[in-house]
Amino acid sequence: SGGGLVQAGGSLSVSCGISGRTFSAYAMGWFRQRPG
């Protein structure tokens, strides 16, 4: 969550929630896919 439209030079925070009770057992990563 947290995506959207922002002007160049601005800031934005995206967040990820994970279900269950074992979150602390996971390493986490962010990836992205640019158009094309």
PDB file of all heavy atoms in Angstrom:
ATOM      1  N   SER A   1       0.843  -1.180   0.000  1.00  0.00           N
ATOM      2  CA  SER A   1       0.000   0.000   0.000  1.00  0.00           C
ATOM      3  C   SER A   1       0.884   1.237   0.000  1.00  0.00           C
ATOM      4  O   SER A   1       2.079   1.163   0.237  1.00  0.00           O
ATOM      5  CB  SER A   1      -0.937   0.022   1.209  1.00  0.00           C
ATOM      6  OG  SER A   1      -0.201   0.070   2.420  1.00  0.00           O
ATOM      7  N   GLY A   2       0.276   2.375  -0.272  1.00  0.00           N
ATOM      8  CA  GLY A   2       0.991   3.641  -0.214  1.00  0.00           C
ATOM      9  C   GLY A   2       1.437   4.190  -1.547  1.00  0.00           C
ATOM     10  O   GLY A   2       1.970   5.299  -1.605  1.00  0.00           O
ATOM     11  N   GLY A   3       1.233   3.435  -2.615  1.00  0.00           N
ATOM     12  CA  GLY A   3       1.599   3.936  -3.925  1.00  0.00           C
ATOM     13  C   GLY A   3       0.684   5.057  -4.367  1.00  0.00           C
ATOM     14  O   GLY A   3      -0.360   5.309  -3.769  1.00  0.00           O
ATOM     15  N   GLY A   4       1.091   5.729  -5.423  1.00  0.00           N
ATOM     16  CA  GLY A   4       0.292   6.822  -5.942  1.00  0.00           C
ATOM     17  C   GLY A   4       1.094   7.719  -6.847  1.00  0.00           C
ATOM     18  O   GLY A   4       2.169   7.352  -7.317  1.00  0.00           O
ATOM     19  N   LEU A   5       0.557   8.896  -7.080  1.00  0.00           N
ATOM     20  CA  LEU A   5       1.181   9.887  -7.954  1.00  0.00           C
ATOM     21  C   LEU A   5       1.874  10.949  -7.119  1.00  0.00           C
ATOM     22  O   LEU A   5       1.281  11.500  -6.187  1.00  0.00           O
ATOM     23  CB  LEU A   5       0.128  10.528  -8.856  1.00  0.00           C
ATOM     24  CG  LEU A   5       0.596  11.641  -9.787  1.00  0.00           C
ATOM     25  CD1 LEU A   5       1.577  11.091 -10.814  1.00  0.00           C
ATOM     26  CD2 LEU A   5      -0.595  12.291 -10.468  1.00  0.00           C
ATOM     27  N   VAL A   6       3.120  11.233  -7.456  1.00  0.00           N
ATOM     28  CA  VAL A   6       3.893  12.239  -6.743  1.00  0.00           C
ATOM     29  C   VAL A   6       4.731  13.018  -7.747  1.00  0.00           C
ATOM     30  O   VAL A   6       5.170  12.478  -8.760  1.00  0.00           O
ATOM     31  CB  VAL A   6       4.783  11.586  -5.659  1.00  0.00           C
ATOM     32  CG1 VAL A   6       5.792  10.634  -6.288  1.00  0.00           C
ATOM     33  CG2 VAL A   6       5.484  12.641  -4.818  1.00  0.00           C
ATOM     34  N   GLN A   7       4.938  14.284  -7.478  1.00  0.00           N
ATOM     35  CA  GLN A   7       5.754  15.108  -8.353  1.00  0.00           C
ATOM     36  C   GLN A   7       7.235  14.841  -8.136  1.00  0.00           C
ATOM     37  O   GLN A   7       7.658  14.455  -7.047  1.00  0.00           O
ATOM     38  CB  GLN A   7       5.461  16.591  -8.116  1.00  0.00           C
ATOM     39  CG  GLN A   7       4.072  17.032  -8.541  1.00  0.00           C
ATOM     40  CD  GLN A   7       3.865  18.521  -8.364  1.00  0.00           C
ATOM     41  OE1 GLN A   7       4.569  19.178  -7.603  1.00  0.00           O
ATOM     42  NE2 GLN A   7       2.888  19.055  -9.079  1.00  0.00           N
ATOM     43  N   ALA A   8       8.014  15.028  -9.181  1.00  0.00           N
ATOM     44  CA  ALA A   8       9.455  14.861  -9.075  1.00  0.00           C
ATOM     45  C   ALA A   8      10.014  15.732  -7.956  1.00  0.00           C
ATOM     46  O   ALA A   8       9.630  16.888  -7.807  1.00  0.00           O
ATOM     47  CB  ALA A   8      10.127  15.199 -10.395  1.00  0.00           C
ATOM     48  N   GLY A   9      10.913  15.148  -7.177  1.00  0.00           N
ATOM     49  CA  GLY A   9      11.479  15.837  -6.031  1.00  0.00           C
ATOM     50  C   GLY A   9      10.746  15.579  -4.735  1.00  0.00           C
ATOM     51  O   GLY A   9      11.269  15.894  -3.660  1.00  0.00           O
ATOM     52  N   GLY A  10       9.575  15.008  -4.820  1.00  0.00           N
ATOM     53  CA  GLY A  10       8.793  14.718  -3.642  1.00  0.00           C
ATOM     54  C   GLY A  10       9.172  13.402  -2.994  1.00  0.00           C
ATOM     55  O   GLY A  10      10.083  12.700  -3.439  1.00  0.00           O
ATOM     56  N   SER A  11       8.452  13.059  -1.939  1.00  0.00           N
ATOM     57  CA  SER A  11       8.710  11.844  -1.185  1.00  0.00           C
ATOM     58  C   SER A  11       7.460  10.989  -1.105  1.00  0.00           C
ATOM     59  O   SER A  11       6.341  11.484  -1.157  1.00  0.00           O
ATOM     60  CB  SER A  11       9.187  12.176   0.233  1.00  0.00           C
ATOM     61  OG  SER A  11      10.403  12.892   0.221  1.00  0.00           O
ATOM     62  N   LEU A  12       7.688   9.699  -0.950  1.00  0.00           N
ATOM     63  CA  LEU A  12       6.588   8.755  -0.841  1.00  0.00           C
ATOM     64  C   LEU A  12       7.070   7.543  -0.064  1.00  0.00           C
ATOM     65  O   LEU A  12       8.220   7.116  -0.220  1.00  0.00           O
ATOM     66  CB  LEU A  12       6.101   8.333  -2.222  1.00  0.00           C
ATOM     67  CG  LEU A  12       4.809   7.513  -2.293  1.00  0.00           C
ATOM     68  CD1 LEU A  12       3.615   8.355  -1.874  1.00  0.00           C
ATOM     69  CD2 LEU A  12       4.608   6.975  -3.703  1.00  0.00           C
ATOM     70  N   SER A  13       6.204   6.993   0.753  1.00  0.00           N
ATOM     71  CA  SER A  13       6.511   5.787   1.497  1.00  0.00           C
ATOM     72  C   SER A  13       5.524   4.699   1.118  1.00  0.00           C
ATOM     73  O   SER A  13       4.315   4.913   1.150  1.00  0.00           O
ATOM     74  CB  SER A  13       6.445   6.052   3.009  1.00  0.00           C
ATOM     75  OG  SER A  13       6.708   4.870   3.749  1.00  0.00           O
ATOM     76  N   VAL A  14       6.043   3.554   0.723  1.00  0.00           N
ATOM     77  CA  VAL A  14       5.201   2.402   0.450  1.00  0.00           C
ATOM     78  C   VAL A  14       5.372   1.395   1.575  1.00  0.00           C
ATOM     79  O   VAL A  14       6.452   1.260   2.152  1.00  0.00           O
ATOM     80  CB  VAL A  14       5.517   1.758  -0.918  1.00  0.00           C
ATOM     81  CG1 VAL A  14       5.096   2.693  -2.036  1.00  0.00           C
ATOM     82  CG2 VAL A  14       6.996   1.423  -1.043  1.00  0.00           C
ATOM     83  N   SER A  15       4.303   0.702   1.885  1.00  0.00           N
ATOM     84  CA  SER A  15       4.301  -0.213   3.004  1.00  0.00           C
ATOM     85  C   SER A  15       3.817  -1.583   2.563  1.00  0.00           C
ATOM     86  O   SER A  15       3.066  -1.712   1.591  1.00  0.00           O
ATOM     87  CB  SER A  15       3.405   0.324   4.124  1.00  0.00           C
ATOM     88  OG  SER A  15       3.377  -0.558   5.232  1.00  0.00           O
ATOM     89  N   CYS A  16       4.246  -2.592   3.281  1.00  0.00           N
ATOM     90  CA  CYS A  16       3.849  -3.964   3.007  1.00  0.00           C
ATOM     91  C   CYS A  16       3.470  -4.631   4.315  1.00  0.00           C
ATOM     92  O   CYS A  16       4.259  -4.648   5.264  1.00  0.00           O
ATOM     93  CB  CYS A  16       4.986  -4.722   2.328  1.00  0.00           C
ATOM     94  SG  CYS A  16       4.678  -6.484   2.080  1.00  0.00           S
ATOM     95  N   GLY A  17       2.277  -5.183   4.360  1.00  0.00           N
ATOM     96  CA  GLY A  17       1.834  -5.942   5.513  1.00  0.00           C
ATOM     97  C   GLY A  17       1.802  -7.418   5.191  1.00  0.00           C
ATOM     98  O   GLY A  17       1.399  -7.807   4.102  1.00  0.00           O
ATOM     99  N   ILE A  18       2.229  -8.237   6.121  1.00  0.00           N
ATOM    100  CA  ILE A  18       2.245  -9.678   5.927  1.00  0.00           C
ATOM    101  C   ILE A  18       1.351 -10.329   6.970  1.00  0.00           C
ATOM    102  O   ILE A  18       1.370  -9.971   8.140  1.00  0.00           O
ATOM    103  CB  ILE A  18       3.676 -10.247   5.985  1.00  0.00           C
ATOM    104  CG1 ILE A  18       3.678 -11.746   5.686  1.00  0.00           C
ATOM    105  CG2 ILE A  18       4.338  -9.962   7.330  1.00  0.00           C
ATOM    106  CD1 ILE A  18       5.076 -12.319   5.489  1.00  0.00           C
ATOM    107  N   SER A  19       0.556 -11.275   6.521  1.00  0.00           N
ATOM    108  CA  SER A  19      -0.372 -11.959   7.408  1.00  0.00           C
ATOM    109  C   SER A  19       0.320 -13.054   8.199  1.00  0.00           C
ATOM    110  O   SER A  19       1.447 -13.458   7.900  1.00  0.00           O
ATOM    111  CB  SER A  19      -1.521 -12.554   6.592  1.00  0.00           C
ATOM    112  OG  SER A  19      -1.049 -13.575   5.722  1.00  0.00           O
ATOM    113  N   GLY A  20      -0.347 -13.545   9.225  1.00  0.00           N
ATOM    114  CA  GLY A  20       0.185 -14.619  10.035  1.00  0.00           C
ATOM    115  C   GLY A  20       0.922 -14.121  11.262  1.00  0.00           C
ATOM    116  O   GLY A  20       0.993 -12.918  11.533  1.00  0.00           O
ATOM    117  N   ARG A  21       1.491 -15.066  11.979  1.00  0.00           N
ATOM    118  CA  ARG A  21       2.183 -14.750  13.229  1.00  0.00           C
ATOM    119  C   ARG A  21       3.670 -15.062  13.176  1.00  0.00           C
ATOM    120  O   ARG A  21       4.315 -15.143  14.219  1.00  0.00           O
ATOM    121  CB  ARG A  21       1.531 -15.525  14.381  1.00  0.00           C
ATOM    122  CG  ARG A  21       0.074 -15.155  14.630  1.00  0.00           C
ATOM    123  CD  ARG A  21      -0.498 -15.943  15.776  1.00  0.00           C
ATOM    124  NE  ARG A  21      -0.637 -17.355  15.463  1.00  0.00           N
ATOM    125  CZ  ARG A  21      -1.684 -17.892  14.848  1.00  0.00           C
ATOM    126  NH1 ARG A  21      -2.700 -17.111  14.479  1.00  0.00           N
ATOM    127  NH2 ARG A  21      -1.733 -19.187  14.603  1.00  0.00           N
ATOM    128  N   THR A  22       4.223 -15.207  11.955  1.00  0.00           N
ATOM    129  CA  THR A  22       5.620 -15.573  11.792  1.00  0.00           C
ATOM    130  C   THR A  22       6.435 -14.517  11.055  1.00  0.00           C
ATOM    131  O   THR A  22       7.479 -14.819  10.494  1.00  0.00           O
ATOM    132  CB  THR A  22       5.744 -16.907  11.041  1.00  0.00           C
ATOM    133  OG1 THR A  22       5.117 -16.799   9.762  1.00  0.00           O
ATOM    134  CG2 THR A  22       5.092 -18.021  11.831  1.00  0.00           C
ATOM    135  N   PHE A  23       5.975 -13.275  11.074  1.00  0.00           N
ATOM    136  CA  PHE A  23       6.642 -12.217  10.331  1.00  0.00           C
ATOM    137  C   PHE A  23       8.113 -12.079  10.715  1.00  0.00           C
ATOM    138  O   PHE A  23       8.968 -11.848   9.856  1.00  0.00           O
ATOM    139  CB  PHE A  23       5.920 -10.887  10.530  1.00  0.00           C
ATOM    140  CG  PHE A  23       6.563  -9.736   9.816  1.00  0.00           C
ATOM    141  CD1 PHE A  23       6.520  -9.646   8.434  1.00  0.00           C
ATOM    142  CD2 PHE A  23       7.207  -8.734  10.524  1.00  0.00           C
ATOM    143  CE1 PHE A  23       7.115  -8.587   7.770  1.00  0.00           C
ATOM    144  CE2 PHE A  23       7.798  -7.669   9.869  1.00  0.00           C
ATOM    145  CZ  PHE A  23       7.751  -7.590   8.488  1.00  0.00           C
ATOM    146  N   SER A  24       8.422 -12.233  11.995  1.00  0.00           N
ATOM    147  CA  SER A  24       9.789 -12.047  12.457  1.00  0.00           C
ATOM    148  C   SER A  24      10.748 -13.104  11.927  1.00  0.00           C
ATOM    149  O   SER A  24      11.965 -12.939  12.042  1.00  0.00           O
ATOM    150  CB  SER A  24       9.834 -12.034  13.991  1.00  0.00           C
ATOM    151  OG  SER A  24       9.381 -13.264  14.524  1.00  0.00           O
ATOM    152  N   ALA A  25      10.239 -14.186  11.339  1.00  0.00           N
ATOM    153  CA  ALA A  25      11.075 -15.240  10.795  1.00  0.00           C
ATOM    154  C   ALA A  25      11.502 -14.976   9.347  1.00  0.00           C
ATOM    155  O   ALA A  25      12.281 -15.750   8.791  1.00  0.00           O
ATOM    156  CB  ALA A  25      10.364 -16.583  10.880  1.00  0.00           C
ATOM    157  N   TYR A  26      11.007 -13.906   8.745  1.00  0.00           N
ATOM    158  CA  TYR A  26      11.236 -13.636   7.333  1.00  0.00           C
ATOM    159  C   TYR A  26      12.179 -12.468   7.102  1.00  0.00           C
ATOM    160  O   TYR A  26      12.055 -11.419   7.738  1.00  0.00           O
ATOM    161  CB  TYR A  26       9.913 -13.327   6.631  1.00  0.00           C
ATOM    162  CG  TYR A  26       8.969 -14.497   6.546  1.00  0.00           C
ATOM    163  CD1 TYR A  26       8.044 -14.737   7.556  1.00  0.00           C
ATOM    164  CD2 TYR A  26       9.003 -15.341   5.454  1.00  0.00           C
ATOM    165  CE1 TYR A  26       7.178 -15.815   7.478  1.00  0.00           C
ATOM    166  CE2 TYR A  26       8.139 -16.417   5.370  1.00  0.00           C
ATOM    167  CZ  TYR A  26       7.228 -16.647   6.384  1.00  0.00           C
ATOM    168  OH  TYR A  26       6.365 -17.711   6.296  1.00  0.00           O
ATOM    169  N   ALA A  27      13.102 -12.682   6.176  1.00  0.00           N
ATOM    170  CA  ALA A  27      13.808 -11.564   5.575  1.00  0.00           C
ATOM    171  C   ALA A  27      12.901 -10.974   4.508  1.00  0.00           C
ATOM    172  O   ALA A  27      12.165 -11.696   3.835  1.00  0.00           O
ATOM    173  CB  ALA A  27      15.125 -12.022   4.968  1.00  0.00           C
ATOM    174  N   MET A  28      12.951  -9.660   4.349  1.00  0.00           N
ATOM    175  CA  MET A  28      12.030  -8.972   3.456  1.00  0.00           C
ATOM    176  C   MET A  28      12.788  -8.185   2.398  1.00  0.00           C
ATOM    177  O   MET A  28      13.902  -7.720   2.633  1.00  0.00           O
ATOM    178  CB  MET A  28      11.125  -8.024   4.241  1.00  0.00           C
ATOM    179  CG  MET A  28      10.334  -8.682   5.362  1.00  0.00           C
ATOM    180  SD  MET A  28       9.105  -9.864   4.745  1.00  0.00           S
ATOM    181  CE  MET A  28       8.030  -8.768   3.806  1.00  0.00           C
ATOM    182  N   GLY A  29      12.149  -8.020   1.257  1.00  0.00           N
ATOM    183  CA  GLY A  29      12.766  -7.269   0.188  1.00  0.00           C
ATOM    184  C   GLY A  29      11.754  -6.458  -0.593  1.00  0.00           C
ATOM    185  O   GLY A  29      10.558  -6.744  -0.578  1.00  0.00           O
ATOM    186  N   TRP A  30      12.258  -5.427  -1.254  1.00  0.00           N
ATOM    187  CA  TRP A  30      11.468  -4.632  -2.185  1.00  0.00           C
ATOM    188  C   TRP A  30      12.082  -4.750  -3.575  1.00  0.00           C
ATOM    189  O   TRP A  30      13.302  -4.629  -3.739  1.00  0.00           O
ATOM    190  CB  TRP A  30      11.416  -3.161  -1.778  1.00  0.00           C
ATOM    191  CG  TRP A  30      10.490  -2.860  -0.648  1.00  0.00           C
ATOM    192  CD1 TRP A  30      10.809  -2.702   0.657  1.00  0.00           C
ATOM    193  CD2 TRP A  30       9.070  -2.675  -0.743  1.00  0.00           C
ATOM    194  NE1 TRP A  30       9.689  -2.426   1.399  1.00  0.00           N
ATOM    195  CE2 TRP A  30       8.608  -2.402   0.566  1.00  0.00           C
ATOM    196  CE3 TRP A  30       8.154  -2.709  -1.792  1.00  0.00           C
ATOM    197  CZ2 TRP A  30       7.258  -2.166   0.840  1.00  0.00           C
ATOM    198  CZ3 TRP A  30       6.813  -2.471  -1.514  1.00  0.00           C
ATOM    199  CH2 TRP A  30       6.382  -2.205  -0.208  1.00  0.00           C
ATOM    200  N   PHE A  31      11.239  -4.980  -4.551  1.00  0.00           N
ATOM    201  CA  PHE A  31      11.627  -5.031  -5.951  1.00  0.00           C
ATOM    202  C   PHE A  31      10.713  -4.098  -6.730  1.00  0.00           C
ATOM    203  O   PHE A  31       9.642  -3.716  -6.261  1.00  0.00           O
ATOM    204  CB  PHE A  31      11.521  -6.456  -6.502  1.00  0.00           C
ATOM    205  CG  PHE A  31      12.443  -7.431  -5.828  1.00  0.00           C
ATOM    206  CD1 PHE A  31      12.134  -7.967  -4.587  1.00  0.00           C
ATOM    207  CD2 PHE A  31      13.623  -7.812  -6.438  1.00  0.00           C
ATOM    208  CE1 PHE A  31      12.972  -8.865  -3.951  1.00  0.00           C
ATOM    209  CE2 PHE A  31      14.484  -8.723  -5.822  1.00  0.00           C
ATOM    210  CZ  PHE A  31      14.158  -9.238  -4.579  1.00  0.00           C
ATOM    211  N   ARG A  32      11.126  -3.729  -7.924  1.00  0.00           N
ATOM    212  CA  ARG A  32      10.271  -2.899  -8.755  1.00  0.00           C
ATOM    213  C   ARG A  32      10.401  -3.297 -10.211  1.00  0.00           C
ATOM    214  O   ARG A  32      11.404  -3.871 -10.633  1.00  0.00           O
ATOM    215  CB  ARG A  32      10.591  -1.412  -8.584  1.00  0.00           C
ATOM    216  CG  ARG A  32      11.924  -0.975  -9.193  1.00  0.00           C
ATOM    217  CD  ARG A  32      12.181   0.494  -8.895  1.00  0.00           C
ATOM    218  NE  ARG A  32      13.419   0.958  -9.485  1.00  0.00           N
ATOM    219  CZ  ARG A  32      13.934   2.161  -9.279  1.00  0.00           C
ATOM    220  NH1 ARG A  32      13.308   3.028  -8.481  1.00  0.00           N
ATOM    221  NH2 ARG A  32      15.078   2.509  -9.867  1.00  0.00           N
ATOM    222  N   GLN A  33       9.375  -2.977 -10.972  1.00  0.00           N
ATOM    223  CA  GLN A  33       9.375  -3.247 -12.395  1.00  0.00           C
ATOM    224  C   GLN A  33       8.967  -1.978 -13.123  1.00  0.00           C
ATOM    225  O   GLN A  33       7.820  -1.530 -13.018  1.00  0.00           O
ATOM    226  CB  GLN A  33       8.435  -4.394 -12.749  1.00  0.00           C
ATOM    227  CG  GLN A  33       8.543  -4.845 -14.190  1.00  0.00           C
ATOM    228  CD  GLN A  33       7.882  -6.182 -14.430  1.00  0.00           C
ATOM    229  OE1 GLN A  33       7.146  -6.687 -13.580  1.00  0.00           O
ATOM    230  NE2 GLN A  33       8.151  -6.769 -15.578  1.00  0.00           N
ATOM    231  N   ARG A  34       9.907  -1.395 -13.834  1.00  0.00           N
ATOM    232  CA  ARG A  34       9.638  -0.211 -14.623  1.00  0.00           C
ATOM    233  C   ARG A  34       8.965  -0.599 -15.927  1.00  0.00           C
ATOM    234  O   ARG A  34       9.111  -1.724 -16.398  1.00  0.00           O
ATOM    235  CB  ARG A  34      10.936   0.543 -14.901  1.00  0.00           C
ATOM    236  CG  ARG A  34      11.707   0.950 -13.652  1.00  0.00           C
ATOM    237  CD  ARG A  34      13.017   1.609 -14.042  1.00  0.00           C
ATOM    238  NE  ARG A  34      13.852   1.900 -12.886  1.00  0.00           N
ATOM    239  CZ  ARG A  34      15.044   2.472 -12.945  1.00  0.00           C
ATOM    240  NH1 ARG A  34      15.548   2.821 -14.118  1.00  0.00           N
ATOM    241  NH2 ARG A  34      15.736   2.689 -11.847  1.00  0.00           N
ATOM    242  N   PRO A  35       8.241   0.324 -16.535  1.00  0.00           N
ATOM    243  CA  PRO A  35       7.553   0.002 -17.790  1.00  0.00           C
ATOM    244  C   PRO A  35       8.520  -0.513 -18.848  1.00  0.00           C
ATOM    245  O   PRO A  35       9.537   0.116 -19.141  1.00  0.00           O
ATOM    246  CB  PRO A  35       6.940   1.344 -18.199  1.00  0.00           C
ATOM    247  CG  PRO A  35       6.756   2.073 -16.905  1.00  0.00           C
ATOM    248  CD  PRO A  35       7.942   1.680 -16.063  1.00  0.00           C
ATOM    249  N   GLY A  36       8.214  -1.663 -19.389  1.00  0.00           N
ATOM    250  CA  GLY A  36       9.021  -2.240 -20.445  1.00  0.00           C
ATOM    251  C   GLY A  36      10.322  -2.863 -19.999  1.00  0.00           C
ATOM    252  O   GLY A  36      11.123  -3.271 -20.841  1.00  0.00           O
TER     253      GLY A  36
END
